[in-house]
């Protein structure tokens, strides 16, 4: 039941991670395109930004790994619950199927 309620949160986290990745890639492309100017002050700023972007990429990778770990834990917990209560799990699955069928028939 917990996996159902956290699905929108998981989608939001994935969307945030995708947006951050695109932002980092775009900033990287911008820095590479401007780097040809050769200005010394810009070079110092560029190095700092590149360092920060690398740090952000590392943090994003850690965030993704934590999300995957949480998903694995939820799947393991769900599996254990289904094995402990097989008839209850079948009843929940049947009720969900009836609900989805009812909603699909109304359209």
C-alpha atoms as a PDB file:
ATOM      1  CA  UNK A   1       0.000   0.000   0.000  1.00  0.00           C
ATOM      2  CA  UNK A   2       2.912   2.358   0.720  1.00  0.00           C
ATOM      3  CA  UNK A   3       4.245   1.939  -2.835  1.00  0.00           C
ATOM      4  CA  UNK A   4       0.975   3.243  -4.249  1.00  0.00           C
ATOM      5  CA  UNK A   5       1.014   6.420  -2.166  1.00  0.00           C
ATOM      6  CA  UNK A   6       4.676   7.188  -2.923  1.00  0.00           C
ATOM      7  CA  UNK A   7       4.392   6.755  -6.709  1.00  0.00           C
ATOM      8  CA  UNK A   8       3.745  10.471  -7.386  1.00  0.00           C
ATOM      9  CA  UNK A   9       6.643  11.363  -5.092  1.00  0.00           C
ATOM     10  CA  UNK A  10       8.905   8.984  -7.003  1.00  0.00           C
ATOM     11  CA  UNK A  11       7.832  10.541 -10.313  1.00  0.00           C
ATOM     12  CA  UNK A  12       8.520  14.010  -8.909  1.00  0.00           C
ATOM     13  CA  UNK A  13      11.986  12.968  -7.756  1.00  0.00           C
ATOM     14  CA  UNK A  14      12.754  11.455 -11.162  1.00  0.00           C
ATOM     15  CA  UNK A  15      11.534  14.609 -12.887  1.00  0.00           C
ATOM     16  CA  UNK A  16      13.673  16.751 -10.583  1.00  0.00           C
ATOM     17  CA  UNK A  17      16.713  14.585 -11.269  1.00  0.00           C
ATOM     18  CA  UNK A  18      16.125  14.810 -15.035  1.00  0.00           C
ATOM     19  CA  UNK A  19      15.738  18.589 -14.860  1.00  0.00           C
ATOM     20  CA  UNK A  20      18.914  18.948 -12.795  1.00  0.00           C
ATOM     21  CA  UNK A  21      20.817  16.759 -15.237  1.00  0.00           C
ATOM     22  CA  UNK A  22      19.624  18.859 -18.192  1.00  0.00           C
ATOM     23  CA  UNK A  23      20.536  22.074 -16.354  1.00  0.00           C
ATOM     24  CA  UNK A  24      24.040  20.802 -15.603  1.00  0.00           C
ATOM     25  CA  UNK A  25      24.557  19.681 -19.191  1.00  0.00           C
ATOM     26  CA  UNK A  26      23.334  23.016 -20.552  1.00  0.00           C
ATOM     27  CA  UNK A  27      25.625  24.965 -18.198  1.00  0.00           C
ATOM     28  CA  UNK A  28      28.519  22.752 -19.250  1.00  0.00           C
ATOM     29  CA  UNK A  29      27.821  23.437 -22.936  1.00  0.00           C
ATOM     30  CA  UNK A  30      27.575  27.166 -22.247  1.00  0.00           C
ATOM     31  CA  UNK A  31      30.902  27.206 -20.409  1.00  0.00           C
ATOM     32  CA  UNK A  32      32.616  25.283 -23.201  1.00  0.00           C
ATOM     33  CA  UNK A  33      31.266  27.639 -25.848  1.00  0.00           C
ATOM     34  CA  UNK A  34      32.398  30.760 -23.949  1.00  0.00           C
ATOM     35  CA  UNK A  35      35.762  29.283 -22.933  1.00  0.00           C
ATOM     36  CA  UNK A  36      37.259  30.177 -26.300  1.00  0.00           C
ATOM     37  CA  UNK A  37      37.393  33.860 -25.285  1.00  0.00           C
ATOM     38  CA  UNK A  38      40.627  33.247 -23.350  1.00  0.00           C
ATOM     39  CA  UNK A  39      39.990  35.892 -20.683  1.00  0.00           C
ATOM     40  CA  UNK A  40      41.947  35.045 -17.495  1.00  0.00           C
ATOM     41  CA  UNK A  41      39.193  36.216 -15.118  1.00  0.00           C
ATOM     42  CA  UNK A  42      36.665  34.126 -16.981  1.00  0.00           C
ATOM     43  CA  UNK A  43      38.980  31.122 -16.758  1.00  0.00           C
ATOM     44  CA  UNK A  44      39.045  31.351 -12.928  1.00  0.00           C
ATOM     45  CA  UNK A  45      35.270  31.627 -12.758  1.00  0.00           C
ATOM     46  CA  UNK A  46      34.904  28.796 -15.258  1.00  0.00           C
ATOM     47  CA  UNK A  47      37.079  26.497 -13.153  1.00  0.00           C
ATOM     48  CA  UNK A  48      34.970  27.212 -10.063  1.00  0.00           C
ATOM     49  CA  UNK A  49      31.755  26.562 -11.947  1.00  0.00           C
ATOM     50  CA  UNK A  50      33.110  23.342 -13.425  1.00  0.00           C
ATOM     51  CA  UNK A  51      34.115  22.201  -9.946  1.00  0.00           C
ATOM     52  CA  UNK A  52      30.637  22.974  -8.608  1.00  0.00           C
ATOM     53  CA  UNK A  53      29.012  21.170 -11.535  1.00  0.00           C
ATOM     54  CA  UNK A  54      31.097  18.087 -10.861  1.00  0.00           C
ATOM     55  CA  UNK A  55      30.005  18.230  -7.234  1.00  0.00           C
ATOM     56  CA  UNK A  56      26.368  18.556  -8.312  1.00  0.00           C
ATOM     57  CA  UNK A  57      26.735  15.550 -10.612  1.00  0.00           C
ATOM     58  CA  UNK A  58      28.100  13.541  -7.696  1.00  0.00           C
ATOM     59  CA  UNK A  59      25.229  14.608  -5.465  1.00  0.00           C
ATOM     60  CA  UNK A  60      22.739  13.745  -8.193  1.00  0.00           C
ATOM     61  CA  UNK A  61      24.285  10.295  -8.536  1.00  0.00           C
ATOM     62  CA  UNK A  62      23.991   9.828  -4.762  1.00  0.00           C
ATOM     63  CA  UNK A  63      20.348  10.937  -4.898  1.00  0.00           C
ATOM     64  CA  UNK A  64      19.611   8.454  -7.668  1.00  0.00           C
ATOM     65  CA  UNK A  65      21.339   5.666  -5.760  1.00  0.00           C
ATOM     66  CA  UNK A  66      19.353   6.489  -2.620  1.00  0.00           C
ATOM     67  CA  UNK A  67      16.138   6.418  -4.658  1.00  0.00           C
ATOM     68  CA  UNK A  68      17.031   3.048  -6.146  1.00  0.00           C
ATOM     69  CA  UNK A  69      17.866   1.693  -2.698  1.00  0.00           C
ATOM     70  CA  UNK A  70      14.523   2.913  -1.338  1.00  0.00           C
ATOM     71  CA  UNK A  71      12.699   1.314  -4.283  1.00  0.00           C
ATOM     72  CA  UNK A  72      14.495  -1.986  -3.640  1.00  0.00           C
ATOM     73  CA  UNK A  73      13.546  -1.844   0.043  1.00  0.00           C
ATOM     74  CA  UNK A  74       9.915  -1.146  -0.823  1.00  0.00           C
ATOM     75  CA  UNK A  75       9.862  -4.015  -3.316  1.00  0.00           C
ATOM     76  CA  UNK A  76      11.397  -6.346  -0.729  1.00  0.00           C
ATOM     77  CA  UNK A  77       8.841  -5.254   1.892  1.00  0.00           C
ATOM     78  CA  UNK A  78       5.990  -5.713  -0.572  1.00  0.00           C
ATOM     79  CA  UNK A  79       7.262  -9.176  -1.475  1.00  0.00           C
ATOM     80  CA  UNK A  80       7.470 -10.165   2.185  1.00  0.00           C
ATOM     81  CA  UNK A  81       3.965  -8.820   2.859  1.00  0.00           C
ATOM     82  CA  UNK A  82       2.499 -10.686  -0.113  1.00  0.00           C
ATOM     83  CA  UNK A  83       4.162 -13.907   1.030  1.00  0.00           C
ATOM     84  CA  UNK A  84       2.902 -13.402   4.574  1.00  0.00           C
ATOM     85  CA  UNK A  85      -0.674 -12.566   3.485  1.00  0.00           C
ATOM     86  CA  UNK A  86      -1.313 -14.114   0.039  1.00  0.00           C
ATOM     87  CA  UNK A  87      -5.113 -14.047   0.213  1.00  0.00           C
ATOM     88  CA  UNK A  88      -5.182 -10.429   1.324  1.00  0.00           C
ATOM     89  CA  UNK A  89      -2.848  -9.524  -1.532  1.00  0.00           C
ATOM     90  CA  UNK A  90      -5.124 -11.292  -4.013  1.00  0.00           C
ATOM     91  CA  UNK A  91      -8.142  -9.437  -2.607  1.00  0.00           C
ATOM     92  CA  UNK A  92      -6.388  -6.076  -2.956  1.00  0.00           C
ATOM     93  CA  UNK A  93      -5.303  -6.932  -6.514  1.00  0.00           C
ATOM     94  CA  UNK A  94      -8.845  -8.044  -7.429  1.00  0.00           C
ATOM     95  CA  UNK A  95     -10.346  -4.878  -5.946  1.00  0.00           C
ATOM     96  CA  UNK A  96      -7.865  -2.739  -7.857  1.00  0.00           C
ATOM     97  CA  UNK A  97      -8.698  -4.634 -11.056  1.00  0.00           C
ATOM     98  CA  UNK A  98     -12.427  -4.125 -10.538  1.00  0.00           C
ATOM     99  CA  UNK A  99     -11.891  -0.414  -9.847  1.00  0.00           C
ATOM    100  CA  UNK A 100      -9.727   0.058 -12.930  1.00  0.00           C
ATOM    101  CA  UNK A 101     -12.219  -1.892 -15.039  1.00  0.00           C
ATOM    102  CA  UNK A 102     -15.089   0.219 -13.718  1.00  0.00           C
ATOM    103  CA  UNK A 103     -13.233   3.464 -14.435  1.00  0.00           C
ATOM    104  CA  UNK A 104     -12.189   2.298 -17.911  1.00  0.00           C
ATOM    105  CA  UNK A 105     -15.768   1.283 -18.756  1.00  0.00           C
ATOM    106  CA  UNK A 106     -17.074   4.739 -17.851  1.00  0.00           C
ATOM    107  CA  UNK A 107     -14.918   6.439 -20.485  1.00  0.00           C
END
